[in-house]
Amino acid sequence: MVSPVSPGGRPRQPSLAQLRAFAAVAEHLHFREAAADIGMSQPALSGAVSALEEALGVQLLERTTRKVLLSPAGERVAARARTVLEAVGDLLEEAEAARAPFTGALRLGVIPTVAPYLLPTVLRLTHGSYPDLDLQVHEEQTASLLEGLAAGRLDLLLLAVPLGVPNITELPLFDEDFVLVAPKDHWLGGRADIPREALKELDLLLLDEGHCLRDQALDICREAGREEGAPVTTSAAGLSTLVQLVAGGLGVTLLPRTALRVETARNDLLTTGYFADPQPSRTVALAMRTGTARAAEFEEFAGALRGAMRLLPVRVVGG
């Protein structure tokens, strides 16, 4: 038997075709039947088995004129060959699944000021249109989401933009206006033409540091002429708490339109008011790593989300 070492000194590697040929012979113990089973000519099958024996440096078969038997080494190698071929089959199935869009896991990161109000729409779309997609939702603040996307822990983000971060591609979904939420009987309640300048003197309640909605609200206030460092009560980690503080008479706040119904419904201690045009607003988008292999899939997903969100109180991008 020839030594299973190449002229360069490296062990010879058996090929998948050799393993497949030997596994078929080990199953049928007949060259003609094995060849027919895997669609190979009998001479090619015999040559593949011989090449495998040469590569491994062991005799796998005992050949006689009437039958084929496995040698002791052949029995052990046959079991290993089947395991290898099954593993390769699994690998090919995984690759096929990876090539097919909207299958497997999609790890979606969502900011807290979006998650409760948009996830019902996202989940309905996913369950109805992409039943083979394993959607995994992670609610985190923007900085943590961006770190997770860059590190590969997350695949796609749903958050407010612009981000101003390199190597991130934004897929805008919609624009939505901010609404003033105030205690009942507040002088701005019920108005549809509130000037932004009214924000200059109001007792404004905002979310804690780290929430992008806080930064957006402060930007709106600065544009309205509110002085830098003007008193802002900051004691809420979420919009629900923020709205309860408003209902308690501690001040006013700004809510995105998508959060308004959920957070203010059936609360008779609150009133709302709308700003004069152009109303302050934010843009919500999907964000992905630039150059991701799933770019086409994510762009299609963004298009489907835009269609699904047309029933929300927003201005869909492109619609």
Protein backbone atom coordinates (compact mmCIF):
# COMPACT_ATOMS: atom_id res chain seq x y z
CA MET A 1 0.00 0.00 0.00
CA VAL A 2 1.30 3.42 -0.91
CA SER A 3 2.02 5.75 2.04
CA PRO A 4 -0.77 8.36 2.59
CA VAL A 5 1.73 11.22 2.39
CA SER A 6 2.07 13.59 -0.54
CA PRO A 7 5.46 14.26 -2.13
CA GLY A 8 5.52 17.57 -0.24
CA GLY A 9 5.28 15.77 3.10
CA ARG A 10 1.64 16.63 3.82
CA PRO A 11 -1.01 13.97 4.50
CA ARG A 12 -3.19 13.28 1.48
CA GLN A 13 -6.76 14.51 1.88
CA PRO A 14 -9.58 12.26 0.69
CA SER A 15 -12.13 13.98 -1.50
CA LEU A 16 -15.86 14.05 -0.93
CA ALA A 17 -16.34 12.11 -4.16
CA GLN A 18 -14.08 9.35 -2.82
CA LEU A 19 -15.93 9.23 0.50
CA ARG A 20 -19.29 9.16 -1.28
CA ALA A 21 -18.17 6.31 -3.54
CA PHE A 22 -16.83 4.27 -0.64
CA ALA A 23 -19.94 4.88 1.49
CA ALA A 24 -22.11 3.59 -1.36
CA VAL A 25 -19.99 0.44 -1.74
CA ALA A 26 -20.03 -0.11 2.03
CA GLU A 27 -23.82 0.10 1.98
CA HIS A 28 -24.47 -2.15 -1.03
CA LEU A 29 -21.36 -4.36 -0.92
CA HIS A 30 -21.72 -4.46 -4.70
CA PHE A 31 -19.94 -2.14 -7.15
CA ARG A 32 -22.62 -2.11 -9.85
CA GLU A 33 -25.44 -1.36 -7.41
CA ALA A 34 -23.36 1.27 -5.62
CA ALA A 35 -22.49 2.96 -8.90
CA ALA A 36 -26.14 3.05 -9.96
CA ASP A 37 -27.16 4.46 -6.57
CA ILE A 38 -24.92 7.53 -6.80
CA GLY A 39 -25.04 7.98 -10.57
CA MET A 40 -21.41 7.11 -11.24
CA SER A 41 -19.94 4.68 -13.73
CA GLN A 42 -18.61 1.47 -12.25
CA PRO A 43 -15.00 2.09 -13.38
CA ALA A 44 -15.09 5.61 -11.91
CA LEU A 45 -16.51 4.24 -8.65
CA SER A 46 -13.82 1.58 -8.42
CA GLY A 47 -11.13 4.18 -9.15
CA ALA A 48 -12.50 6.51 -6.45
CA VAL A 49 -12.43 3.76 -3.82
CA SER A 50 -8.90 2.78 -4.80
CA ALA A 51 -7.82 6.42 -4.60
CA LEU A 52 -9.33 6.65 -1.11
CA GLU A 53 -7.43 3.59 0.03
CA GLU A 54 -4.26 5.13 -1.34
CA ALA A 55 -4.94 8.47 0.35
CA LEU A 56 -5.64 6.84 3.72
CA GLY A 57 -2.94 4.18 3.45
CA VAL A 58 -5.26 1.33 4.48
CA GLN A 59 -7.15 -1.42 2.67
CA LEU A 60 -10.87 -0.79 2.99
CA LEU A 61 -12.32 -3.65 0.92
CA GLU A 62 -11.70 -7.33 0.38
CA ARG A 63 -12.53 -8.01 -3.26
CA THR A 64 -13.33 -11.43 -4.65
CA THR A 65 -14.83 -12.50 -7.92
CA ARG A 66 -18.23 -13.01 -6.31
CA LYS A 67 -18.60 -10.43 -3.53
CA VAL A 68 -17.19 -7.41 -1.77
CA LEU A 69 -16.44 -7.36 1.95
CA LEU A 70 -15.37 -4.57 4.27
CA SER A 71 -12.04 -5.00 5.98
CA PRO A 72 -11.89 -4.23 9.72
CA ALA A 73 -10.43 -0.83 8.82
CA GLY A 74 -13.12 -0.41 6.18
CA GLU A 75 -15.89 -0.90 8.73
CA ARG A 76 -14.48 1.87 10.93
CA VAL A 77 -13.84 4.23 8.00
CA ALA A 78 -17.33 3.57 6.60
CA ALA A 79 -18.91 4.81 9.84
CA ARG A 80 -16.74 7.91 9.79
CA ALA A 81 -17.45 8.52 6.10
CA ARG A 82 -21.19 8.48 6.72
CA THR A 83 -20.77 10.99 9.54
CA VAL A 84 -18.70 13.28 7.34
CA LEU A 85 -21.15 13.10 4.45
CA GLU A 86 -24.10 13.82 6.77
CA ALA A 87 -22.24 16.84 8.16
CA VAL A 88 -21.52 18.10 4.64
CA GLY A 89 -25.20 17.68 3.81
CA ASP A 90 -26.12 19.76 6.85
CA LEU A 91 -23.60 22.39 5.79
CA LEU A 92 -25.12 22.60 2.33
CA GLU A 93 -28.61 22.95 3.84
CA GLU A 94 -27.38 25.79 6.05
CA ALA A 95 -25.81 27.51 3.06
CA GLU A 96 -29.04 27.15 1.09
CA ALA A 97 -30.98 28.66 4.00
CA ALA A 98 -28.49 31.52 4.16
CA ARG A 99 -28.95 32.20 0.46
CA ALA A 100 -32.73 32.22 0.82
CA PRO A 101 -33.98 35.61 2.09
CA PHE A 102 -36.19 35.92 5.15
CA THR A 103 -35.15 32.62 6.70
CA GLY A 104 -33.13 31.96 9.83
CA ALA A 105 -32.51 34.49 12.58
CA LEU A 106 -32.88 38.25 12.30
CA ARG A 107 -31.62 40.04 15.40
CA LEU A 108 -33.44 43.37 15.44
CA GLY A 109 -32.41 46.14 17.82
CA VAL A 110 -35.05 48.74 18.72
CA ILE A 111 -34.88 51.90 20.84
CA PRO A 112 -37.31 52.18 23.79
CA THR A 113 -39.18 55.17 22.33
CA VAL A 114 -40.03 53.12 19.23
CA ALA A 115 -40.43 49.55 20.46
CA PRO A 116 -43.88 49.65 22.17
CA TYR A 117 -45.50 51.61 19.35
CA LEU A 118 -44.05 50.06 16.19
CA LEU A 119 -43.34 46.46 17.18
CA PRO A 120 -47.00 45.36 16.81
CA THR A 121 -46.82 46.44 13.16
CA VAL A 122 -43.39 44.85 12.67
CA LEU A 123 -44.51 41.56 14.23
CA ARG A 124 -47.73 41.38 12.20
CA LEU A 125 -45.76 41.92 9.02
CA THR A 126 -43.15 39.33 9.97
CA HIS A 127 -45.64 36.64 10.97
CA GLY A 128 -47.84 37.25 7.95
CA SER A 129 -45.28 37.74 5.19
CA TYR A 130 -42.11 36.06 6.46
CA PRO A 131 -43.16 33.00 8.52
CA ASP A 132 -39.72 31.37 8.18
CA LEU A 133 -37.96 34.39 9.67
CA ASP A 134 -36.86 33.97 13.30
CA LEU A 135 -37.22 37.56 14.52
CA GLN A 136 -35.32 38.23 17.74
CA VAL A 137 -35.97 41.65 19.31
CA HIS A 138 -33.52 43.52 21.55
CA GLU A 139 -34.65 46.80 23.16
CA GLU A 140 -31.69 49.03 24.03
CA GLN A 141 -30.64 52.64 23.86
CA THR A 142 -29.06 53.96 20.68
CA ALA A 143 -25.41 53.79 21.76
CA SER A 144 -25.73 50.16 22.84
CA LEU A 145 -27.54 49.25 19.61
CA LEU A 146 -24.82 50.79 17.47
CA GLU A 147 -22.16 48.90 19.40
CA GLY A 148 -24.10 45.67 18.92
CA LEU A 149 -24.50 46.28 15.19
CA ALA A 150 -20.80 47.02 14.71
CA ALA A 151 -19.79 43.93 16.69
CA GLY A 152 -22.16 41.62 14.78
CA ARG A 153 -24.34 40.95 17.83
CA LEU A 154 -27.27 42.60 16.01
CA ASP A 155 -28.21 42.46 12.33
CA LEU A 156 -30.57 45.41 11.90
CA LEU A 157 -31.69 48.42 13.94
CA LEU A 158 -35.00 50.31 14.16
CA LEU A 159 -34.35 53.78 15.55
CA ALA A 160 -34.39 57.52 15.01
CA VAL A 161 -31.95 59.04 12.51
CA PRO A 162 -29.72 60.66 11.37
CA LEU A 163 -27.02 58.81 13.25
CA GLY A 164 -23.92 60.36 11.75
CA VAL A 165 -22.00 57.10 12.19
CA PRO A 166 -19.58 55.79 9.55
CA ASN A 167 -20.13 52.38 7.96
CA ILE A 168 -23.86 52.45 8.79
CA THR A 169 -26.46 52.63 6.02
CA GLU A 170 -29.81 54.16 6.94
CA LEU A 171 -33.06 53.08 5.29
CA PRO A 172 -35.61 55.80 6.21
CA LEU A 173 -39.13 54.56 6.88
CA PHE A 174 -41.19 57.59 7.91
CA ASP A 175 -41.30 61.03 9.51
CA GLU A 176 -43.53 61.71 12.50
CA ASP A 177 -44.44 64.91 14.30
CA PHE A 178 -43.98 65.69 17.96
CA VAL A 179 -47.04 66.58 20.03
CA LEU A 180 -47.12 68.69 23.17
CA VAL A 181 -48.58 66.79 26.13
CA ALA A 182 -49.64 68.96 29.07
CA PRO A 183 -51.73 68.74 32.25
CA LYS A 184 -55.48 69.14 31.89
CA ASP A 185 -56.61 72.76 31.46
CA HIS A 186 -53.14 73.88 30.35
CA TRP A 187 -53.37 77.04 28.29
CA LEU A 188 -51.84 75.33 25.23
CA GLY A 189 -54.17 72.33 25.36
CA GLY A 190 -56.33 71.71 22.30
CA ARG A 191 -54.48 74.16 20.09
CA ALA A 192 -53.39 73.21 16.58
CA ASP A 193 -51.11 76.19 15.96
CA ILE A 194 -48.68 76.26 18.88
CA PRO A 195 -45.62 78.31 17.95
CA ARG A 196 -42.31 76.64 18.72
CA GLU A 197 -41.35 79.75 20.68
CA ALA A 198 -43.81 78.64 23.36
CA LEU A 199 -41.24 76.04 24.43
CA LYS A 200 -38.89 78.77 25.64
CA GLU A 201 -40.60 79.24 28.98
CA LEU A 202 -42.40 75.95 29.66
CA ASP A 203 -41.49 73.54 32.48
CA LEU A 204 -40.22 70.77 30.26
CA LEU A 205 -39.98 67.13 31.34
CA LEU A 206 -37.61 64.89 29.40
CA LEU A 207 -36.21 61.38 29.46
CA ASP A 208 -32.97 60.45 31.16
CA GLU A 209 -29.57 60.91 29.55
CA GLY A 210 -28.84 58.39 26.82
CA HIS A 211 -32.27 58.47 25.16
CA CYS A 212 -32.11 59.95 21.68
CA LEU A 213 -35.61 61.38 22.17
CA ARG A 214 -34.21 63.60 24.92
CA ASP A 215 -31.57 64.95 22.56
CA GLN A 216 -34.14 65.51 19.81
CA ALA A 217 -36.43 67.41 22.18
CA LEU A 218 -33.54 69.58 23.35
CA ASP A 219 -32.64 70.32 19.74
CA ILE A 220 -36.22 71.44 19.10
CA CYS A 221 -36.08 73.66 22.17
CA ARG A 222 -32.80 75.22 21.06
CA GLU A 223 -34.29 75.92 17.64
CA ALA A 224 -37.22 77.58 19.43
CA GLY A 225 -34.82 79.91 21.23
CA ARG A 226 -34.75 78.19 24.62
CA GLU A 227 -31.57 79.13 26.41
CA GLU A 228 -28.82 76.56 26.86
CA GLY A 229 -28.98 75.25 30.40
CA ALA A 230 -32.58 76.28 30.96
CA PRO A 231 -34.08 74.17 33.77
CA VAL A 232 -35.26 70.73 32.62
CA THR A 233 -36.67 68.20 35.04
CA THR A 234 -35.14 64.85 34.18
CA SER A 235 -36.48 61.97 36.24
CA ALA A 236 -38.08 59.51 33.84
CA ALA A 237 -36.55 56.39 32.31
CA GLY A 238 -39.49 55.77 29.96
CA LEU A 239 -42.32 57.60 28.21
CA SER A 240 -45.02 56.03 30.39
CA THR A 241 -43.46 57.49 33.54
CA LEU A 242 -42.88 60.79 31.79
CA VAL A 243 -46.56 61.08 30.89
CA GLN A 244 -47.60 60.28 34.45
CA LEU A 245 -45.38 63.10 35.71
CA VAL A 246 -47.16 65.43 33.27
CA ALA A 247 -50.54 64.20 34.50
CA GLY A 248 -49.37 65.00 38.02
CA GLY A 249 -48.84 68.62 37.06
CA LEU A 250 -45.04 68.70 37.10
CA GLY A 251 -44.66 70.10 33.61
CA VAL A 252 -45.15 69.36 29.92
CA THR A 253 -43.40 67.03 27.51
CA LEU A 254 -43.07 66.15 23.84
CA LEU A 255 -44.28 62.82 22.49
CA PRO A 256 -43.87 61.36 19.00
CA ARG A 257 -47.23 60.85 17.31
CA THR A 258 -46.89 57.05 17.27
CA ALA A 259 -46.71 57.04 21.09
CA LEU A 260 -49.60 59.41 21.69
CA ARG A 261 -52.54 56.99 21.68
CA VAL A 262 -50.80 54.35 23.79
CA GLU A 263 -49.50 56.77 26.41
CA THR A 264 -52.40 59.23 26.76
CA ALA A 265 -55.55 57.19 26.03
CA ARG A 266 -58.15 57.16 28.78
CA ASN A 267 -56.22 59.65 30.92
CA ASP A 268 -58.48 62.61 31.61
CA LEU A 269 -55.70 64.45 33.43
CA LEU A 270 -53.91 65.19 30.18
CA THR A 271 -54.39 67.46 27.21
CA THR A 272 -52.55 67.67 23.92
CA GLY A 273 -51.61 70.41 21.50
CA TYR A 274 -50.15 70.48 17.99
CA PHE A 275 -47.51 72.80 16.65
CA ALA A 276 -47.88 75.17 13.74
CA ASP A 277 -46.23 74.15 10.48
CA PRO A 278 -43.50 73.21 10.03
CA GLN A 279 -44.11 70.91 12.96
CA PRO A 280 -41.10 69.54 14.84
CA SER A 281 -40.56 65.93 13.83
CA ARG A 282 -38.22 62.96 13.81
CA THR A 283 -37.29 60.39 11.19
CA VAL A 284 -37.41 56.67 12.00
CA ALA A 285 -35.36 54.26 9.91
CA LEU A 286 -33.78 50.87 9.70
CA ALA A 287 -30.00 50.87 9.98
CA MET A 288 -27.63 48.16 8.75
CA ARG A 289 -23.90 47.66 8.39
CA THR A 290 -22.72 49.08 5.09
CA GLY A 291 -21.83 46.18 2.81
CA THR A 292 -23.74 43.54 4.78
CA ALA A 293 -24.41 40.37 2.81
CA ARG A 294 -28.12 40.76 3.63
CA ALA A 295 -28.43 44.28 2.20
CA ALA A 296 -30.95 43.32 -0.50
CA GLU A 297 -33.07 41.44 2.04
CA PHE A 298 -33.04 44.37 4.48
CA GLU A 299 -33.94 46.85 1.74
CA GLU A 300 -36.92 44.68 0.76
CA PHE A 301 -37.90 44.45 4.44
CA ALA A 302 -37.77 48.26 4.70
CA GLY A 303 -40.07 48.57 1.70
CA ALA A 304 -42.55 46.15 3.23
CA LEU A 305 -42.46 48.06 6.53
CA ARG A 306 -43.20 51.33 4.77
CA GLY A 307 -46.32 49.78 3.30
CA ALA A 308 -47.40 48.33 6.64
CA MET A 309 -46.90 51.67 8.43
CA ARG A 310 -49.17 53.70 6.18
CA LEU A 311 -51.99 53.18 8.69
CA LEU A 312 -49.98 54.89 11.45
CA PRO A 313 -50.06 58.69 12.08
CA VAL A 314 -46.82 59.21 10.15
CA ARG A 315 -45.58 60.40 6.76
CA VAL A 316 -44.12 57.35 5.05
CA VAL A 317 -40.96 58.04 3.06
CA GLY A 318 -41.79 57.91 -0.62
CA GLY A 319 -45.48 57.85 0.02
